[in-house]
Amino acid sequence: MKKNVFILSAVLCLLAGCGQKQQEPFVRSVMLSQPERLEATRVKTFSGVVREAGEISLGFKTAGQIASLAVKEGDYVRKGQLVATLDDADYKLGVEALQVQYDQLSDEVARLKKLYEAKNVSVNDYEKAVAGLKQLGVQLQVNRNKLDYTRLYAPVGGYVQGVNFEEAEMVDAGTPVITLLDTRRMEVELDLPVSVYMQRERLESVSCRPFFEEGGTQLPMQVLSIVPKADGNQLYKMRLVFEGAMDKRLTAGMNIEVSLKIVGGDGSGKFVLPLHAVFQDQGEACVWTLGKDSTVHKARVEVEGIDPVGRAIVTSGLSGSEQVVKAGVHLLQEGEKVKVIDEAASGTNVGGLI
C-alpha cells in the first residue's frame, strides 16, 4: 500500500512539473536614428513676378495716315512680321516723279559723255551733269526709303501689349503705334529685405517654382542684378534670368516662388531628427537614447522648429554621437532593455518612412 502511495505522489509531481512553463522577459524592439548635424546653409523663400525682357514701342519712320493694322492686343508676332501700314499713294507718286527725272537726266548724261569723249563738251559741263545725276539718284533713294517706311515690321518676336491708334488716324514719325513685349528672354523680379541683401555675397544658388505647380521641379536661375539702393520700404530690387529653358506656361506678370540658398548662417550646434523621435514629457520635449547596455534613457532637448523636409530641429540636449529611438517612443520606460532592429532588414518599413 505504501508503495502505491509513493508511486502516485511521484506521478503527480511529474505532472505538476510539466504544467509549469518558464516565462521569458519581454524585450521591446526599436529602430534607431543618428542625429544629423544641421548644415550651415539656409533657404529663404520669396514671391517674385515674371517680367518680359523689355517693352518695344513700334512707330513709323515717316508721317502719314494709317491704312491697316494687321495685329490686335494679345497676338503673338514673329520677327519680321508686318504689323501695320500707312497710306502710301503720295509716296508712290513722289518716287515715280523722281524716277522720270532720273531716267531723263541719265540719258542726257550718256549723250554728254559721248560728246565729252569727242572733246565737244568741256570738262566742267560734263562733271556738272554727272554730279546732278548723282544728286537726283540720292533724292530718288530717299523717296524709296520713305515708301518702304510706310510698312511697319516687328523687329523681334513677342506679344502685342497695346495698339494705340485706329485705322484712318494720322500719326507723326516716331509716334508709338504698337507696344510689343519682347519675350526672347524672360526675367523674374523680387524684393529683398535688408537682412538678406546683407548676405548677398553668400548666395550659393537661386531657383524658382511656379505657384500653380505645388511640389514641382525647381528651375535654376542666375542673378542678373541687385539694385544697391533701398526703396521706401527698405527693400532691394533683384532681377533673375533662367539658366536653361523656361517653362512655357510662365507668362509676364505671373507670380512665382523664388528660393535663395544662402551659405553660412546659424546652423552650428544644431541637429535634425525624425519628427516622431521627439515626444512630450511634462510639457518638455524629450528623446530616448540607447545606452551601451541596450537600455534606453530619457534626454531632454530643445526643439526650434521643423526643417523644409519635415524633420525636427534640435538646438540643445544632443552631442551628435547618440543613438536615438525613432519609433515606438511612447511605449518605452526609463532604463528599459530593448532590442535594436536593423532597418535595412526590416520588411515592415517599406520605403524607409519610419
Protein backbone atom coordinates (compact mmCIF):
# COMPACT_ATOMS: atom_id res chain seq x y z
CA MET A 1 0.00 0.00 0.00
CA LYS A 2 2.77 2.41 0.91
CA LYS A 3 4.50 1.57 -2.34
CA ASN A 4 1.38 2.54 -4.35
CA VAL A 5 1.09 5.87 -2.48
CA PHE A 6 4.74 6.65 -3.25
CA ILE A 7 4.27 5.93 -6.97
CA LEU A 8 1.14 8.12 -7.09
CA SER A 9 2.96 11.01 -5.45
CA ALA A 10 5.82 10.77 -7.94
CA VAL A 11 3.43 10.81 -10.91
CA LEU A 12 1.62 13.89 -9.53
CA CYS A 13 4.94 15.68 -9.11
CA LEU A 14 5.91 14.93 -12.68
CA LEU A 15 2.56 16.16 -13.99
CA ALA A 16 2.86 19.39 -11.99
CA GLY A 17 6.37 19.97 -13.30
CA CYS A 18 5.25 19.51 -16.91
CA GLY A 19 2.41 22.04 -16.47
CA GLN A 20 4.78 24.92 -15.47
CA LYS A 21 6.30 26.89 -18.39
CA GLN A 22 9.32 29.05 -17.95
CA GLN A 23 8.36 32.75 -18.56
CA GLU A 24 10.95 34.74 -20.58
CA PRO A 25 11.13 38.57 -20.04
CA PHE A 26 9.52 40.63 -22.87
CA VAL A 27 12.04 42.82 -24.79
CA ARG A 28 10.68 45.63 -26.92
CA SER A 29 12.12 46.13 -30.43
CA VAL A 30 13.12 49.64 -31.55
CA MET A 31 14.62 51.41 -34.55
CA LEU A 32 17.39 53.95 -34.14
CA SER A 33 18.41 57.17 -35.81
CA GLN A 34 21.64 59.15 -35.66
CA PRO A 35 21.29 62.92 -35.10
CA GLU A 36 22.30 64.72 -38.27
CA ARG A 37 24.15 67.99 -37.90
CA LEU A 38 22.25 70.86 -39.48
CA GLU A 39 24.22 72.26 -42.37
CA ALA A 40 25.14 75.90 -42.10
CA THR A 41 23.01 76.63 -45.13
CA ARG A 42 19.59 78.23 -45.19
CA VAL A 43 16.95 78.50 -47.87
CA LYS A 44 14.93 81.71 -47.98
CA THR A 45 11.72 81.76 -49.99
CA PHE A 46 10.21 84.88 -51.57
CA SER A 47 7.47 85.76 -54.01
CA GLY A 48 8.63 87.08 -57.38
CA VAL A 49 6.99 88.26 -60.60
CA VAL A 50 7.80 87.07 -64.11
CA ARG A 51 8.72 90.00 -66.38
CA GLU A 52 9.41 90.28 -70.07
CA ALA A 53 12.94 91.30 -71.08
CA GLY A 54 11.61 94.65 -72.28
CA GLU A 55 8.87 96.62 -73.98
CA ILE A 56 9.35 97.94 -77.51
CA SER A 57 7.30 100.86 -78.80
CA LEU A 58 6.91 100.49 -82.56
CA GLY A 59 6.35 103.59 -84.70
CA PHE A 60 6.64 104.55 -88.38
CA LYS A 61 9.78 106.37 -89.55
CA THR A 62 7.61 108.72 -91.58
CA ALA A 63 4.30 110.56 -91.08
CA GLY A 64 1.04 109.54 -92.68
CA GLN A 65 -2.45 108.09 -92.35
CA ILE A 66 -2.82 104.55 -91.01
CA ALA A 67 -4.15 102.31 -93.77
CA SER A 68 -4.29 99.00 -91.92
CA LEU A 69 -3.44 97.31 -88.62
CA ALA A 70 -2.51 93.65 -89.03
CA VAL A 71 -2.46 92.75 -85.32
CA LYS A 72 -4.52 93.22 -82.19
CA GLU A 73 -3.73 93.16 -78.47
CA GLY A 74 -2.65 89.73 -77.26
CA ASP A 75 -1.46 88.49 -80.66
CA TYR A 76 1.91 86.81 -80.95
CA VAL A 77 4.05 88.16 -83.80
CA ARG A 78 7.19 86.73 -85.34
CA LYS A 79 10.32 88.67 -86.10
CA GLY A 80 9.88 90.47 -89.44
CA GLN A 81 6.09 90.12 -89.49
CA LEU A 82 4.10 93.05 -90.97
CA VAL A 83 2.06 94.71 -88.21
CA ALA A 84 0.77 97.99 -89.75
CA THR A 85 0.84 100.10 -92.94
CA LEU A 86 0.36 103.76 -93.92
CA ASP A 87 -1.42 105.14 -96.95
CA ASP A 88 1.45 105.15 -99.50
CA ALA A 89 -0.27 106.78 -102.51
CA ASP A 90 1.57 110.10 -102.22
CA TYR A 91 4.88 108.38 -101.55
CA LYS A 92 4.48 106.27 -104.70
CA LEU A 93 3.81 109.40 -106.75
CA GLY A 94 6.92 111.04 -105.34
CA VAL A 95 9.03 108.03 -106.33
CA GLU A 96 7.52 107.94 -109.83
CA ALA A 97 8.14 111.65 -110.41
CA LEU A 98 11.78 111.43 -109.38
CA GLN A 99 12.21 108.22 -111.36
CA VAL A 100 11.12 110.03 -114.53
CA GLN A 101 13.55 112.88 -113.88
CA TYR A 102 16.35 110.47 -113.10
CA ASP A 103 15.80 108.47 -116.27
CA GLN A 104 15.72 111.65 -118.39
CA LEU A 105 18.87 113.06 -116.84
CA SER A 106 20.59 109.69 -117.13
CA ASP A 107 20.00 109.74 -120.91
CA GLU A 108 21.35 113.28 -121.15
CA VAL A 109 24.49 112.34 -119.24
CA ALA A 110 25.02 109.39 -121.57
CA ARG A 111 24.89 111.73 -124.60
CA LEU A 112 27.20 114.26 -122.92
CA LYS A 113 29.67 111.51 -122.23
CA LYS A 114 29.99 110.76 -125.95
CA LEU A 115 30.42 114.47 -126.70
CA TYR A 116 32.96 114.72 -123.88
CA GLU A 117 34.94 111.80 -125.26
CA ALA A 118 34.86 113.56 -128.67
CA LYS A 119 36.08 116.72 -126.91
CA ASN A 120 32.99 118.66 -127.99
CA VAL A 121 31.93 119.38 -124.36
CA SER A 122 34.06 120.97 -121.66
CA VAL A 123 35.15 119.00 -118.63
CA ASN A 124 33.25 121.38 -116.34
CA ASP A 125 29.91 120.90 -118.11
CA TYR A 126 30.27 117.12 -118.13
CA GLU A 127 31.17 116.95 -114.41
CA LYS A 128 28.21 119.17 -113.51
CA ALA A 129 25.86 116.81 -115.37
CA VAL A 130 27.32 113.74 -113.62
CA ALA A 131 27.02 115.43 -110.22
CA GLY A 132 23.42 116.41 -110.94
CA LEU A 133 22.60 112.80 -111.82
CA LYS A 134 24.11 111.55 -108.56
CA GLN A 135 22.19 114.12 -106.54
CA LEU A 136 18.92 113.15 -108.21
CA GLY A 137 19.73 109.48 -107.56
CA VAL A 138 20.10 110.24 -103.84
CA GLN A 139 16.74 112.03 -103.76
CA LEU A 140 15.15 109.08 -105.56
CA GLN A 141 16.55 106.67 -102.95
CA VAL A 142 15.28 108.88 -100.12
CA ASN A 143 11.76 108.74 -101.55
CA ARG A 144 12.04 104.98 -102.00
CA ASN A 145 13.03 104.69 -98.36
CA LYS A 146 10.03 106.78 -97.31
CA LEU A 147 7.82 104.47 -99.33
CA ASP A 148 9.32 101.48 -97.50
CA TYR A 149 8.76 103.27 -94.19
CA THR A 150 5.02 103.10 -94.75
CA ARG A 151 5.21 99.44 -93.71
CA LEU A 152 5.89 98.61 -90.06
CA TYR A 153 7.51 95.26 -89.21
CA ALA A 154 8.14 93.56 -85.86
CA PRO A 155 11.87 93.78 -85.00
CA VAL A 156 11.63 90.80 -82.61
CA GLY A 157 9.18 88.06 -81.76
CA GLY A 158 6.78 88.78 -78.92
CA TYR A 159 3.25 89.58 -77.83
CA VAL A 160 1.32 92.73 -78.68
CA GLN A 161 0.63 94.52 -75.42
CA GLY A 162 -1.17 97.53 -76.85
CA VAL A 163 -2.39 99.11 -80.10
CA ASN A 164 -2.50 102.88 -79.60
CA PHE A 165 -4.26 104.02 -82.80
CA GLU A 166 -7.07 103.03 -85.10
CA GLU A 167 -7.16 102.81 -88.87
CA ALA A 168 -7.50 106.15 -90.76
CA GLU A 169 -5.84 108.12 -87.91
CA MET A 170 -2.90 110.39 -88.67
CA VAL A 171 0.44 109.74 -86.98
CA ASP A 172 3.74 111.57 -86.95
CA ALA A 173 7.11 109.96 -87.49
CA GLY A 174 8.23 108.11 -84.38
CA THR A 175 4.82 108.12 -82.68
CA PRO A 176 4.35 104.77 -80.83
CA VAL A 177 1.63 102.89 -82.67
CA ILE A 178 2.09 99.39 -81.21
CA THR A 179 3.67 98.25 -77.93
CA LEU A 180 5.42 94.89 -78.19
CA LEU A 181 6.55 92.65 -75.32
CA ASP A 182 9.99 91.23 -76.04
CA THR A 183 9.71 87.59 -74.93
CA ARG A 184 13.08 86.40 -76.20
CA ARG A 185 14.24 86.34 -72.60
CA MET A 186 12.00 86.35 -69.55
CA GLU A 187 13.14 87.65 -66.18
CA VAL A 188 11.97 87.36 -62.59
CA GLU A 189 11.84 90.34 -60.25
CA LEU A 190 11.61 90.22 -56.45
CA ASP A 191 12.24 92.45 -53.45
CA LEU A 192 14.85 91.53 -50.85
CA PRO A 193 14.74 92.68 -47.21
CA VAL A 194 17.85 94.23 -45.70
CA SER A 195 18.71 91.05 -43.77
CA VAL A 196 19.02 89.04 -46.98
CA TYR A 197 20.62 91.85 -49.01
CA MET A 198 23.47 91.99 -46.47
CA GLN A 199 24.15 88.30 -47.14
CA ARG A 200 24.18 88.59 -50.96
CA GLU A 201 27.88 87.61 -51.11
CA ARG A 202 27.00 84.25 -49.51
CA LEU A 203 24.29 83.44 -52.05
CA GLU A 204 25.07 79.92 -53.33
CA SER A 205 22.21 79.21 -55.73
CA VAL A 206 18.82 80.53 -56.83
CA SER A 207 15.84 78.58 -58.14
CA CYS A 208 12.16 79.18 -58.73
CA ARG A 209 8.93 77.21 -58.93
CA PRO A 210 5.54 78.24 -60.33
CA PHE A 211 2.89 78.69 -57.65
CA PHE A 212 0.40 76.71 -59.74
CA GLU A 213 2.63 73.59 -59.54
CA GLU A 214 2.98 72.73 -55.86
CA GLY A 215 5.95 70.45 -55.30
CA GLY A 216 7.07 70.89 -58.90
CA THR A 217 10.60 70.96 -60.27
CA GLN A 218 12.76 73.88 -59.24
CA LEU A 219 14.05 75.86 -62.23
CA PRO A 220 17.66 77.08 -61.85
CA MET A 221 18.14 80.84 -62.08
CA GLN A 222 21.04 83.29 -62.39
CA VAL A 223 21.29 86.66 -60.69
CA LEU A 224 21.16 89.40 -63.30
CA SER A 225 21.39 92.37 -60.96
CA ILE A 226 20.64 93.66 -57.46
CA VAL A 227 19.92 97.37 -57.21
CA PRO A 228 22.15 98.70 -54.39
CA LYS A 229 19.53 101.24 -53.28
CA ALA A 230 16.59 100.53 -50.99
CA ASP A 231 13.13 101.82 -51.79
CA GLY A 232 10.79 103.47 -49.32
CA ASN A 233 10.03 100.11 -47.71
CA GLN A 234 13.73 99.26 -47.27
CA LEU A 235 13.58 96.61 -50.00
CA TYR A 236 16.18 95.93 -52.68
CA LYS A 237 15.21 95.02 -56.24
CA MET A 238 16.69 91.74 -57.55
CA ARG A 239 16.46 90.57 -61.18
CA LEU A 240 16.94 86.94 -62.22
CA VAL A 241 17.16 85.13 -65.56
CA PHE A 242 16.52 81.46 -66.34
CA GLU A 243 19.63 79.32 -66.78
CA GLY A 244 18.02 76.80 -69.09
CA ALA A 245 14.77 76.53 -70.98
CA MET A 246 11.93 78.45 -69.37
CA ASP A 247 8.65 76.76 -68.53
CA LYS A 248 6.39 77.62 -71.48
CA ARG A 249 3.45 78.02 -69.11
CA LEU A 250 5.03 81.07 -67.46
CA THR A 251 3.78 84.40 -68.75
CA ALA A 252 4.62 88.02 -68.00
CA GLY A 253 3.03 89.24 -64.76
CA MET A 254 2.69 85.75 -63.22
CA ASN A 255 3.68 85.25 -59.58
CA ILE A 256 6.43 82.72 -58.90
CA GLU A 257 8.13 81.27 -55.80
CA VAL A 258 11.86 82.06 -55.60
CA SER A 259 14.22 80.11 -53.31
CA LEU A 260 17.59 81.59 -52.31
CA LYS A 261 20.18 79.20 -50.85
CA ILE A 262 22.49 81.13 -48.54
CA VAL A 263 25.74 79.60 -47.28
CA GLY A 264 26.58 80.29 -43.63
CA GLY A 265 24.05 81.34 -41.04
CA ASP A 266 23.25 79.91 -37.63
CA GLY A 267 23.33 76.15 -38.23
CA SER A 268 26.26 75.50 -35.87
CA GLY A 269 25.41 73.20 -32.94
CA LYS A 270 22.01 72.20 -34.28
CA PHE A 271 20.83 68.73 -35.25
CA VAL A 272 17.85 67.28 -37.09
CA LEU A 273 15.92 64.15 -36.12
CA PRO A 274 12.82 62.39 -37.45
CA LEU A 275 9.86 64.30 -36.09
CA HIS A 276 8.32 61.22 -34.44
CA ALA A 277 11.52 60.63 -32.41
CA VAL A 278 10.56 63.60 -30.22
CA PHE A 279 7.83 63.28 -27.57
CA GLN A 280 6.46 65.44 -24.77
CA ASP A 281 7.05 64.65 -21.12
CA GLN A 282 5.51 67.03 -18.59
CA GLY A 283 5.44 69.77 -21.18
CA GLU A 284 9.09 69.33 -22.24
CA ALA A 285 10.49 67.86 -25.45
CA CYS A 286 12.40 64.60 -24.94
CA VAL A 287 14.02 61.75 -26.86
CA TRP A 288 15.08 58.22 -25.94
CA THR A 289 18.81 57.47 -26.30
CA LEU A 290 20.30 53.98 -26.32
CA GLY A 291 22.96 53.12 -23.74
CA LYS A 292 25.83 50.64 -24.08
CA ASP A 293 23.87 48.06 -22.08
CA SER A 294 20.97 48.18 -24.63
CA THR A 295 18.78 50.17 -22.23
CA VAL A 296 17.03 53.43 -23.11
CA HIS A 297 17.37 56.70 -21.24
CA LYS A 298 15.36 59.86 -21.49
CA ALA A 299 17.14 63.02 -22.68
CA ARG A 300 15.54 66.45 -22.61
CA VAL A 301 16.08 68.55 -25.72
CA GLU A 302 15.05 71.93 -27.10
CA VAL A 303 13.29 71.96 -30.47
CA GLU A 304 13.47 75.10 -32.58
CA GLY A 305 11.07 74.05 -35.32
CA ILE A 306 10.77 71.86 -38.39
CA ASP A 307 13.07 71.97 -41.42
CA PRO A 308 11.75 72.07 -45.03
CA VAL A 309 11.71 68.25 -45.30
CA GLY A 310 9.73 67.71 -42.09
CA ARG A 311 12.47 66.92 -39.54
CA ALA A 312 12.69 68.34 -36.02
CA ILE A 313 15.47 70.90 -35.49
CA VAL A 314 17.11 70.29 -32.09
CA THR A 315 19.12 73.20 -30.71
CA SER A 316 20.38 71.67 -27.44
CA GLY A 317 20.45 68.42 -25.48
CA LEU A 318 22.38 66.34 -28.02
CA SER A 319 26.05 65.99 -28.87
CA GLY A 320 25.53 64.21 -32.18
CA SER A 321 27.06 60.88 -31.10
CA GLU A 322 23.87 59.47 -29.55
CA GLN A 323 21.69 56.77 -30.99
CA VAL A 324 18.10 57.97 -30.74
CA VAL A 325 14.99 55.79 -30.82
CA LYS A 326 12.76 56.92 -33.67
CA ALA A 327 9.81 54.50 -33.48
CA GLY A 328 7.58 53.49 -30.56
CA VAL A 329 8.82 56.23 -28.23
CA HIS A 330 5.53 56.46 -26.28
CA LEU A 331 5.72 52.81 -25.12
CA LEU A 332 9.18 52.88 -23.55
CA GLN A 333 10.15 53.26 -19.89
CA GLU A 334 13.30 54.68 -18.33
CA GLY A 335 16.05 52.03 -18.15
CA GLU A 336 14.06 49.51 -20.19
CA LYS A 337 16.11 46.97 -22.10
CA VAL A 338 15.36 46.94 -25.83
CA LYS A 339 16.33 45.05 -28.96
CA VAL A 340 17.52 47.03 -31.98
CA ILE A 341 16.01 46.19 -35.35
CA ASP A 342 18.16 46.54 -38.41
CA GLU A 343 16.10 48.94 -40.54
CA ALA A 344 17.55 47.60 -43.79
CA ALA A 345 16.45 44.09 -42.89
CA SER A 346 13.01 45.11 -41.73
CA GLY A 347 10.30 44.22 -44.21
CA THR A 348 7.68 46.35 -42.48
CA ASN A 349 9.36 49.72 -43.04
CA VAL A 350 8.63 49.90 -46.75
CA GLY A 351 10.20 52.97 -48.30
CA GLY A 352 12.03 53.91 -45.09
CA LEU A 353 9.14 56.02 -43.80
CA ILE A 354 9.99 55.49 -40.12
